[in-house]
């Protein structure tokens, strides 16, 4: 669903970056859930178990730039895709006009 939302909104990155667009999409809800930690601490928590895989060393500025580059359109598309007729009415009511 994330890849489809990125493709639909033109959010798929054109070149290899430290933080790919799809990773930013996963990072944003995690940052919202753990807002008291800050985005950089959330990144460290999410990548802590990936010791065997090389993970990019990033800064707060890197995260800021990645989020700014992504913009709001992919997140809105992902939200819209998650709204189905099976979703509770309260979720459907949250859909922007």
PDB file of N, CA and C in Angstrom:
ATOM      1  N   UNK A   1       0.818  -1.167   0.000  1.00  0.00           N
ATOM      2  CA  UNK A   1       0.000   0.000   0.000  1.00  0.00           C
ATOM      3  C   UNK A   1       0.886   1.264   0.000  1.00  0.00           C
ATOM      4  N   UNK A   2       2.009   1.232   0.716  1.00  0.00           N
ATOM      5  CA  UNK A   2       2.914   2.389   0.765  1.00  0.00           C
ATOM      6  C   UNK A   2       3.505   2.658  -0.609  1.00  0.00           C
ATOM      7  N   UNK A   3       3.983   1.606  -1.271  1.00  0.00           N
ATOM      8  CA  UNK A   3       4.568   1.785  -2.603  1.00  0.00           C
ATOM      9  C   UNK A   3       3.541   2.331  -3.594  1.00  0.00           C
ATOM     10  N   UNK A   4       2.304   1.863  -3.501  1.00  0.00           N
ATOM     11  CA  UNK A   4       1.248   2.341  -4.396  1.00  0.00           C
ATOM     12  C   UNK A   4       0.952   3.819  -4.135  1.00  0.00           C
ATOM     13  N   UNK A   5       0.910   4.217  -2.877  1.00  0.00           N
ATOM     14  CA  UNK A   5       0.658   5.621  -2.548  1.00  0.00           C
ATOM     15  C   UNK A   5       1.795   6.505  -3.057  1.00  0.00           C
ATOM     16  N   UNK A   6       3.027   6.037  -2.931  1.00  0.00           N
ATOM     17  CA  UNK A   6       4.170   6.804  -3.432  1.00  0.00           C
ATOM     18  C   UNK A   6       4.127   6.920  -4.953  1.00  0.00           C
ATOM     19  N   UNK A   7       3.820   5.823  -5.622  1.00  0.00           N
ATOM     20  CA  UNK A   7       3.757   5.844  -7.088  1.00  0.00           C
ATOM     21  C   UNK A   7       2.623   6.752  -7.570  1.00  0.00           C
ATOM     22  N   UNK A   8       1.498   6.693  -6.905  1.00  0.00           N
ATOM     23  CA  UNK A   8       0.335   7.498  -7.284  1.00  0.00           C
ATOM     24  C   UNK A   8       0.607   8.997  -7.172  1.00  0.00           C
ATOM     25  N   UNK A   9       1.426   9.379  -6.213  1.00  0.00           N
ATOM     26  CA  UNK A   9       1.670  10.800  -5.960  1.00  0.00           C
ATOM     27  C   UNK A   9       3.015  11.286  -6.486  1.00  0.00           C
ATOM     28  N   UNK A  10       3.745  10.418  -7.163  1.00  0.00           N
ATOM     29  CA  UNK A  10       5.060  10.815  -7.678  1.00  0.00           C
ATOM     30  C   UNK A  10       6.100  10.947  -6.582  1.00  0.00           C
ATOM     31  N   UNK A  11       5.903  10.255  -5.477  1.00  0.00           N
ATOM     32  CA  UNK A  11       6.817  10.352  -4.339  1.00  0.00           C
ATOM     33  C   UNK A  11       7.962   9.370  -4.355  1.00  0.00           C
ATOM     34  N   UNK A  12       8.020   8.493  -5.361  1.00  0.00           N
ATOM     35  CA  UNK A  12       9.114   7.526  -5.437  1.00  0.00           C
ATOM     36  C   UNK A  12      10.391   8.287  -5.770  1.00  0.00           C
ATOM     37  N   UNK A  13      11.440   8.026  -4.973  1.00  0.00           N
ATOM     38  CA  UNK A  13      12.675   8.767  -5.193  1.00  0.00           C
ATOM     39  C   UNK A  13      13.305   8.413  -6.536  1.00  0.00           C
ATOM     40  N   UNK A  14      13.963   9.391  -7.125  1.00  0.00           N
ATOM     41  CA  UNK A  14      14.598   9.218  -8.432  1.00  0.00           C
ATOM     42  C   UNK A  14      16.041   8.766  -8.297  1.00  0.00           C
ATOM     43  N   UNK A  15      16.614   8.932  -7.106  1.00  0.00           N
ATOM     44  CA  UNK A  15      17.989   8.494  -6.874  1.00  0.00           C
ATOM     45  C   UNK A  15      18.092   7.891  -5.486  1.00  0.00           C
ATOM     46  N   UNK A  16      19.149   7.161  -5.247  1.00  0.00           N
ATOM     47  CA  UNK A  16      19.361   6.503  -3.966  1.00  0.00           C
ATOM     48  C   UNK A  16      19.716   7.542  -2.906  1.00  0.00           C
ATOM     49  N   UNK A  17      19.007   7.524  -1.817  1.00  0.00           N
ATOM     50  CA  UNK A  17      19.239   8.463  -0.719  1.00  0.00           C
ATOM     51  C   UNK A  17      19.505   7.686   0.557  1.00  0.00           C
ATOM     52  N   UNK A  18      20.003   8.389   1.569  1.00  0.00           N
ATOM     53  CA  UNK A  18      20.238   7.736   2.863  1.00  0.00           C
ATOM     54  C   UNK A  18      18.957   7.162   3.420  1.00  0.00           C
ATOM     55  N   UNK A  19      17.877   7.914   3.279  1.00  0.00           N
ATOM     56  CA  UNK A  19      16.575   7.454   3.761  1.00  0.00           C
ATOM     57  C   UNK A  19      15.618   7.432   2.576  1.00  0.00           C
ATOM     58  N   UNK A  20      15.310   6.252   2.043  1.00  0.00           N
ATOM     59  CA  UNK A  20      14.376   6.166   0.915  1.00  0.00           C
ATOM     60  C   UNK A  20      12.980   6.670   1.301  1.00  0.00           C
ATOM     61  N   UNK A  21      12.237   7.100   0.313  1.00  0.00           N
ATOM     62  CA  UNK A  21      10.901   7.663   0.538  1.00  0.00           C
ATOM     63  C   UNK A  21      10.000   6.692   1.288  1.00  0.00           C
ATOM     64  N   UNK A  22      10.047   5.424   0.938  1.00  0.00           N
ATOM     65  CA  UNK A  22       9.158   4.466   1.607  1.00  0.00           C
ATOM     66  C   UNK A  22       9.498   4.310   3.083  1.00  0.00           C
ATOM     67  N   UNK A  23      10.770   4.475   3.433  1.00  0.00           N
ATOM     68  CA  UNK A  23      11.172   4.408   4.840  1.00  0.00           C
ATOM     69  C   UNK A  23      10.640   5.626   5.589  1.00  0.00           C
ATOM     70  N   UNK A  24      10.646   6.787   4.937  1.00  0.00           N
ATOM     71  CA  UNK A  24      10.103   8.002   5.556  1.00  0.00           C
ATOM     72  C   UNK A  24       8.617   7.820   5.841  1.00  0.00           C
ATOM     73  N   UNK A  25       7.905   7.178   4.932  1.00  0.00           N
ATOM     74  CA  UNK A  25       6.470   6.947   5.134  1.00  0.00           C
ATOM     75  C   UNK A  25       6.241   6.079   6.365  1.00  0.00           C
ATOM     76  N   UNK A  26       7.077   5.097   6.594  1.00  0.00           N
ATOM     77  CA  UNK A  26       6.942   4.260   7.791  1.00  0.00           C
ATOM     78  C   UNK A  26       7.406   5.003   9.043  1.00  0.00           C
ATOM     79  N   UNK A  27       8.387   5.865   8.889  1.00  0.00           N
ATOM     80  CA  UNK A  27       8.941   6.587  10.024  1.00  0.00           C
ATOM     81  C   UNK A  27       7.958   7.616  10.595  1.00  0.00           C
ATOM     82  N   UNK A  28       7.194   8.269   9.747  1.00  0.00           N
ATOM     83  CA  UNK A  28       6.303   9.342  10.214  1.00  0.00           C
ATOM     84  C   UNK A  28       5.229   8.857  11.201  1.00  0.00           C
ATOM     85  N   UNK A  29       4.529   7.759  10.927  1.00  0.00           N
ATOM     86  CA  UNK A  29       3.561   7.287  11.944  1.00  0.00           C
ATOM     87  C   UNK A  29       4.260   6.851  13.236  1.00  0.00           C
ATOM     88  N   UNK A  30       5.440   6.250  13.105  1.00  0.00           N
ATOM     89  CA  UNK A  30       6.186   5.850  14.305  1.00  0.00           C
ATOM     90  C   UNK A  30       6.580   7.079  15.115  1.00  0.00           C
ATOM     91  N   UNK A  31       6.994   8.136  14.434  1.00  0.00           N
ATOM     92  CA  UNK A  31       7.357   9.380  15.123  1.00  0.00           C
ATOM     93  C   UNK A  31       6.144   9.985  15.814  1.00  0.00           C
ATOM     94  N   UNK A  32       4.980   9.844  15.204  1.00  0.00           N
ATOM     95  CA  UNK A  32       3.755  10.364  15.835  1.00  0.00           C
ATOM     96  C   UNK A  32       3.401   9.538  17.079  1.00  0.00           C
ATOM     97  N   UNK A  33       3.603   8.226  17.008  1.00  0.00           N
ATOM     98  CA  UNK A  33       3.293   7.373  18.151  1.00  0.00           C
ATOM     99  C   UNK A  33       4.237   7.610  19.324  1.00  0.00           C
ATOM    100  N   UNK A  34       5.493   7.929  19.008  1.00  0.00           N
ATOM    101  CA  UNK A  34       6.506   8.123  20.043  1.00  0.00           C
ATOM    102  C   UNK A  34       7.019   9.557  20.023  1.00  0.00           C
ATOM    103  N   UNK A  35       6.096  10.514  19.973  1.00  0.00           N
ATOM    104  CA  UNK A  35       6.468  11.915  19.808  1.00  0.00           C
ATOM    105  C   UNK A  35       7.325  12.449  20.943  1.00  0.00           C
ATOM    106  N   UNK A  36       7.252  11.852  22.107  1.00  0.00           N
ATOM    107  CA  UNK A  36       8.057  12.326  23.226  1.00  0.00           C
ATOM    108  C   UNK A  36       9.540  12.002  23.041  1.00  0.00           C
ATOM    109  N   UNK A  37       9.857  11.084  22.129  1.00  0.00           N
ATOM    110  CA  UNK A  37      11.252  10.688  21.891  1.00  0.00           C
ATOM    111  C   UNK A  37      11.972  11.602  20.903  1.00  0.00           C
ATOM    112  N   UNK A  38      11.263  12.151  19.950  1.00  0.00           N
ATOM    113  CA  UNK A  38      11.905  12.885  18.861  1.00  0.00           C
ATOM    114  C   UNK A  38      12.184  11.951  17.703  1.00  0.00           C
ATOM    115  N   UNK A  39      12.240  12.494  16.520  1.00  0.00           N
ATOM    116  CA  UNK A  39      12.384  11.659  15.321  1.00  0.00           C
ATOM    117  C   UNK A  39      13.695  10.900  15.273  1.00  0.00           C
ATOM    118  N   UNK A  40      14.777  11.512  15.682  1.00  0.00           N
ATOM    119  CA  UNK A  40      16.073  10.836  15.632  1.00  0.00           C
ATOM    120  C   UNK A  40      16.102   9.645  16.589  1.00  0.00           C
ATOM    121  N   UNK A  41      15.529   9.795  17.775  1.00  0.00           N
ATOM    122  CA  UNK A  41      15.463   8.686  18.722  1.00  0.00           C
ATOM    123  C   UNK A  41      14.552   7.580  18.191  1.00  0.00           C
ATOM    124  N   UNK A  42      13.466   7.954  17.522  1.00  0.00           N
ATOM    125  CA  UNK A  42      12.577   6.954  16.920  1.00  0.00           C
ATOM    126  C   UNK A  42      13.334   6.191  15.840  1.00  0.00           C
ATOM    127  N   UNK A  43      14.109   6.891  15.028  1.00  0.00           N
ATOM    128  CA  UNK A  43      14.931   6.232  13.993  1.00  0.00           C
ATOM    129  C   UNK A  43      15.864   5.217  14.641  1.00  0.00           C
ATOM    130  N   UNK A  44      16.517   5.603  15.713  1.00  0.00           N
ATOM    131  CA  UNK A  44      17.443   4.681  16.399  1.00  0.00           C
ATOM    132  C   UNK A  44      16.701   3.467  16.940  1.00  0.00           C
ATOM    133  N   UNK A  45      15.509   3.692  17.491  1.00  0.00           N
ATOM    134  CA  UNK A  45      14.727   2.566  18.010  1.00  0.00           C
ATOM    135  C   UNK A  45      14.303   1.617  16.889  1.00  0.00           C
ATOM    136  N   UNK A  46      13.885   2.191  15.763  1.00  0.00           N
ATOM    137  CA  UNK A  46      13.433   1.358  14.645  1.00  0.00           C
ATOM    138  C   UNK A  46      14.561   0.566  14.008  1.00  0.00           C
ATOM    139  N   UNK A  47      15.754   1.108  14.043  1.00  0.00           N
ATOM    140  CA  UNK A  47      16.880   0.446  13.380  1.00  0.00           C
ATOM    141  C   UNK A  47      17.779  -0.319  14.349  1.00  0.00           C
ATOM    142  N   UNK A  48      17.482  -0.293  15.637  1.00  0.00           N
ATOM    143  CA  UNK A  48      18.331  -0.932  16.643  1.00  0.00           C
ATOM    144  C   UNK A  48      18.502  -2.432  16.412  1.00  0.00           C
ATOM    145  N   UNK A  49      17.473  -3.093  15.930  1.00  0.00           N
ATOM    146  CA  UNK A  49      17.536  -4.540  15.739  1.00  0.00           C
ATOM    147  C   UNK A  49      18.215  -4.940  14.431  1.00  0.00           C
ATOM    148  N   UNK A  50      18.619  -3.975  13.639  1.00  0.00           N
ATOM    149  CA  UNK A  50      19.213  -4.270  12.334  1.00  0.00           C
ATOM    150  C   UNK A  50      20.740  -4.264  12.387  1.00  0.00           C
ATOM    151  N   UNK A  51      21.312  -4.841  13.435  1.00  0.00           N
ATOM    152  CA  UNK A  51      22.763  -4.816  13.618  1.00  0.00           C
ATOM    153  C   UNK A  51      23.518  -5.471  12.470  1.00  0.00           C
ATOM    154  N   UNK A  52      22.967  -6.526  11.883  1.00  0.00           N
ATOM    155  CA  UNK A  52      23.647  -7.250  10.816  1.00  0.00           C
ATOM    156  C   UNK A  52      23.557  -6.539   9.468  1.00  0.00           C
ATOM    157  N   UNK A  53      22.665  -5.563   9.370  1.00  0.00           N
ATOM    158  CA  UNK A  53      22.455  -4.839   8.119  1.00  0.00           C
ATOM    159  C   UNK A  53      23.051  -3.437   8.264  1.00  0.00           C
ATOM    160  N   UNK A  54      23.834  -2.997   7.287  1.00  0.00           N
ATOM    161  CA  UNK A  54      24.371  -1.633   7.398  1.00  0.00           C
ATOM    162  C   UNK A  54      23.251  -0.594   7.289  1.00  0.00           C
ATOM    163  N   UNK A  55      23.143   0.249   8.302  1.00  0.00           N
ATOM    164  CA  UNK A  55      22.120   1.292   8.356  1.00  0.00           C
ATOM    165  C   UNK A  55      22.823   2.640   8.284  1.00  0.00           C
ATOM    166  N   UNK A  56      22.290   3.518   7.472  1.00  0.00           N
ATOM    167  CA  UNK A  56      22.886   4.840   7.294  1.00  0.00           C
ATOM    168  C   UNK A  56      22.923   5.598   8.613  1.00  0.00           C
ATOM    169  N   UNK A  57      24.036   6.266   8.860  1.00  0.00           N
ATOM    170  CA  UNK A  57      24.148   7.166  10.004  1.00  0.00           C
ATOM    171  C   UNK A  57      23.523   8.485   9.575  1.00  0.00           C
ATOM    172  N   UNK A  58      22.531   8.930  10.297  1.00  0.00           N
ATOM    173  CA  UNK A  58      21.807  10.131   9.888  1.00  0.00           C
ATOM    174  C   UNK A  58      21.775  11.148  11.018  1.00  0.00           C
ATOM    175  N   UNK A  59      21.378  12.340  10.651  1.00  0.00           N
ATOM    176  CA  UNK A  59      21.234  13.432  11.614  1.00  0.00           C
ATOM    177  C   UNK A  59      19.789  13.904  11.612  1.00  0.00           C
ATOM    178  N   UNK A  60      19.482  14.782  12.534  1.00  0.00           N
ATOM    179  CA  UNK A  60      18.149  15.362  12.563  1.00  0.00           C
ATOM    180  C   UNK A  60      17.846  16.129  11.288  1.00  0.00           C
ATOM    181  N   UNK A  61      18.870  16.777  10.732  1.00  0.00           N
ATOM    182  CA  UNK A  61      18.698  17.518   9.484  1.00  0.00           C
ATOM    183  C   UNK A  61      18.383  16.573   8.332  1.00  0.00           C
ATOM    184  N   UNK A  62      19.021  15.413   8.312  1.00  0.00           N
ATOM    185  CA  UNK A  62      18.743  14.420   7.273  1.00  0.00           C
ATOM    186  C   UNK A  62      17.281  13.993   7.328  1.00  0.00           C
ATOM    187  N   UNK A  63      16.784  13.748   8.537  1.00  0.00           N
ATOM    188  CA  UNK A  63      15.382  13.367   8.697  1.00  0.00           C
ATOM    189  C   UNK A  63      14.455  14.497   8.273  1.00  0.00           C
ATOM    190  N   UNK A  64      14.791  15.721   8.653  1.00  0.00           N
ATOM    191  CA  UNK A  64      13.977  16.882   8.285  1.00  0.00           C
ATOM    192  C   UNK A  64      13.902  17.011   6.767  1.00  0.00           C
ATOM    193  N   UNK A  65      15.060  16.921   6.113  1.00  0.00           N
ATOM    194  CA  UNK A  65      15.107  17.047   4.652  1.00  0.00           C
ATOM    195  C   UNK A  65      14.308  15.939   3.975  1.00  0.00           C
ATOM    196  N   UNK A  66      14.409  14.716   4.501  1.00  0.00           N
ATOM    197  CA  UNK A  66      13.685  13.585   3.908  1.00  0.00           C
ATOM    198  C   UNK A  66      12.177  13.791   4.028  1.00  0.00           C
ATOM    199  N   UNK A  67      11.732  14.266   5.187  1.00  0.00           N
ATOM    200  CA  UNK A  67      10.313  14.519   5.378  1.00  0.00           C
ATOM    201  C   UNK A  67       9.826  15.659   4.496  1.00  0.00           C
ATOM    202  N   UNK A  68      10.624  16.690   4.393  1.00  0.00           N
ATOM    203  CA  UNK A  68      10.252  17.830   3.551  1.00  0.00           C
ATOM    204  C   UNK A  68      10.198  17.429   2.079  1.00  0.00           C
ATOM    205  N   UNK A  69      11.138  16.599   1.655  1.00  0.00           N
ATOM    206  CA  UNK A  69      11.171  16.127   0.271  1.00  0.00           C
ATOM    207  C   UNK A  69       9.939  15.284  -0.041  1.00  0.00           C
ATOM    208  N   UNK A  70       9.529  14.465   0.909  1.00  0.00           N
ATOM    209  CA  UNK A  70       8.368  13.599   0.704  1.00  0.00           C
ATOM    210  C   UNK A  70       7.091  14.422   0.559  1.00  0.00           C
ATOM    211  N   UNK A  71       6.912  15.418   1.405  1.00  0.00           N
ATOM    212  CA  UNK A  71       5.703  16.231   1.351  1.00  0.00           C
ATOM    213  C   UNK A  71       4.511  15.503   1.947  1.00  0.00           C
ATOM    214  N   UNK A  72       3.358  16.116   1.816  1.00  0.00           N
ATOM    215  CA  UNK A  72       2.151  15.596   2.449  1.00  0.00           C
ATOM    216  C   UNK A  72       1.361  14.663   1.522  1.00  0.00           C
ATOM    217  N   UNK A  73       1.544  14.801   0.221  1.00  0.00           N
ATOM    218  CA  UNK A  73       0.695  14.059  -0.730  1.00  0.00           C
ATOM    219  C   UNK A  73       0.756  12.530  -0.552  1.00  0.00           C
ATOM    220  N   UNK A  74       1.942  11.911  -0.394  1.00  0.00           N
ATOM    221  CA  UNK A  74       1.949  10.454  -0.195  1.00  0.00           C
ATOM    222  C   UNK A  74       1.250  10.021   1.090  1.00  0.00           C
ATOM    223  N   UNK A  75       1.390  10.806   2.151  1.00  0.00           N
ATOM    224  CA  UNK A  75       0.740  10.444   3.404  1.00  0.00           C
ATOM    225  C   UNK A  75      -0.782  10.567   3.272  1.00  0.00           C
ATOM    226  N   UNK A  76      -1.230  11.607   2.576  1.00  0.00           N
ATOM    227  CA  UNK A  76      -2.668  11.767   2.347  1.00  0.00           C
ATOM    228  C   UNK A  76      -3.196  10.616   1.488  1.00  0.00           C
ATOM    229  N   UNK A  77      -2.445  10.225   0.457  1.00  0.00           N
ATOM    230  CA  UNK A  77      -2.863   9.114  -0.400  1.00  0.00           C
ATOM    231  C   UNK A  77      -2.915   7.811   0.393  1.00  0.00           C
ATOM    232  N   UNK A  78      -1.955   7.616   1.279  1.00  0.00           N
ATOM    233  CA  UNK A  78      -1.948   6.417   2.111  1.00  0.00           C
ATOM    234  C   UNK A  78      -3.157   6.417   3.047  1.00  0.00           C
ATOM    235  N   UNK A  79      -3.445   7.561   3.625  1.00  0.00           N
ATOM    236  CA  UNK A  79      -4.622   7.681   4.491  1.00  0.00           C
ATOM    237  C   UNK A  79      -5.898   7.382   3.699  1.00  0.00           C
ATOM    238  N   UNK A  80      -6.004   7.961   2.500  1.00  0.00           N
ATOM    239  CA  UNK A  80      -7.186   7.728   1.663  1.00  0.00           C
ATOM    240  C   UNK A  80      -7.323   6.258   1.294  1.00  0.00           C
ATOM    241  N   UNK A  81      -6.190   5.597   1.016  1.00  0.00           N
ATOM    242  CA  UNK A  81      -6.229   4.172   0.667  1.00  0.00           C
ATOM    243  C   UNK A  81      -6.668   3.325   1.847  1.00  0.00           C
ATOM    244  N   UNK A  82      -6.363   3.788   3.045  1.00  0.00           N
ATOM    245  CA  UNK A  82      -6.723   3.001   4.230  1.00  0.00           C
ATOM    246  C   UNK A  82      -8.201   3.119   4.566  1.00  0.00           C
ATOM    247  N   UNK A  83      -8.876   4.099   3.982  1.00  0.00           N
ATOM    248  CA  UNK A  83     -10.307   4.260   4.220  1.00  0.00           C
ATOM    249  C   UNK A  83     -11.083   3.356   3.275  1.00  0.00           C
ATOM    250  N   UNK A  84     -11.757   2.434   3.827  1.00  0.00           N
ATOM    251  CA  UNK A  84     -12.572   1.531   3.021  1.00  0.00           C
ATOM    252  C   UNK A  84     -13.985   1.538   3.574  1.00  0.00           C
ATOM    253  N   UNK A  85     -14.873   0.936   2.857  1.00  0.00           N
ATOM    254  CA  UNK A  85     -16.246   0.850   3.360  1.00  0.00           C
ATOM    255  C   UNK A  85     -16.319  -0.025   4.606  1.00  0.00           C
ATOM    256  N   UNK A  86     -15.281  -0.851   4.833  1.00  0.00           N
ATOM    257  CA  UNK A  86     -15.250  -1.704   6.022  1.00  0.00           C
ATOM    258  C   UNK A  86     -14.718  -0.964   7.242  1.00  0.00           C
ATOM    259  N   UNK A  87     -14.143   0.223   7.035  1.00  0.00           N
ATOM    260  CA  UNK A  87     -13.582   0.978   8.153  1.00  0.00           C
ATOM    261  C   UNK A  87     -14.715   1.517   9.027  1.00  0.00           C
ATOM    262  N   UNK A  88     -14.462   1.634  10.310  1.00  0.00           N
ATOM    263  CA  UNK A  88     -15.486   2.218  11.180  1.00  0.00           C
ATOM    264  C   UNK A  88     -15.845   3.623  10.720  1.00  0.00           C
ATOM    265  N   UNK A  89     -17.064   4.031  10.968  1.00  0.00           N
ATOM    266  CA  UNK A  89     -17.554   5.331  10.514  1.00  0.00           C
ATOM    267  C   UNK A  89     -16.673   6.471  10.997  1.00  0.00           C
ATOM    268  N   UNK A  90     -16.120   6.363  12.190  1.00  0.00           N
ATOM    269  CA  UNK A  90     -15.294   7.456  12.712  1.00  0.00           C
ATOM    270  C   UNK A  90     -14.068   7.685  11.832  1.00  0.00           C
ATOM    271  N   UNK A  91     -13.500   6.630  11.250  1.00  0.00           N
ATOM    272  CA  UNK A  91     -12.352   6.784  10.365  1.00  0.00           C
ATOM    273  C   UNK A  91     -12.767   7.418   9.043  1.00  0.00           C
ATOM    274  N   UNK A  92     -13.911   6.992   8.521  1.00  0.00           N
ATOM    275  CA  UNK A  92     -14.387   7.563   7.251  1.00  0.00           C
ATOM    276  C   UNK A  92     -14.704   9.040   7.406  1.00  0.00           C
ATOM    277  N   UNK A  93     -15.164   9.440   8.581  1.00  0.00           N
ATOM    278  CA  UNK A  93     -15.477  10.843   8.811  1.00  0.00           C
ATOM    279  C   UNK A  93     -14.232  11.719   8.868  1.00  0.00           C
ATOM    280  N   UNK A  94     -13.068  11.116   9.105  1.00  0.00           N
ATOM    281  CA  UNK A  94     -11.828  11.881   9.169  1.00  0.00           C
ATOM    282  C   UNK A  94     -11.292  12.252   7.794  1.00  0.00           C
ATOM    283  N   UNK A  95     -11.826  11.642   6.751  1.00  0.00           N
ATOM    284  CA  UNK A  95     -11.337  11.911   5.402  1.00  0.00           C
ATOM    285  C   UNK A  95     -11.543  13.380   5.071  1.00  0.00           C
ATOM    286  N   UNK A  96     -10.467  14.048   4.577  1.00  0.00           N
ATOM    287  CA  UNK A  96     -10.616  15.457   4.228  1.00  0.00           C
ATOM    288  C   UNK A  96     -11.576  15.644   3.058  1.00  0.00           C
ATOM    289  N   UNK A  97     -12.247  16.811   2.992  1.00  0.00           N
ATOM    290  CA  UNK A  97     -13.219  17.034   1.924  1.00  0.00           C
ATOM    291  C   UNK A  97     -12.562  17.133   0.562  1.00  0.00           C
TER     292      UNK A  97
END
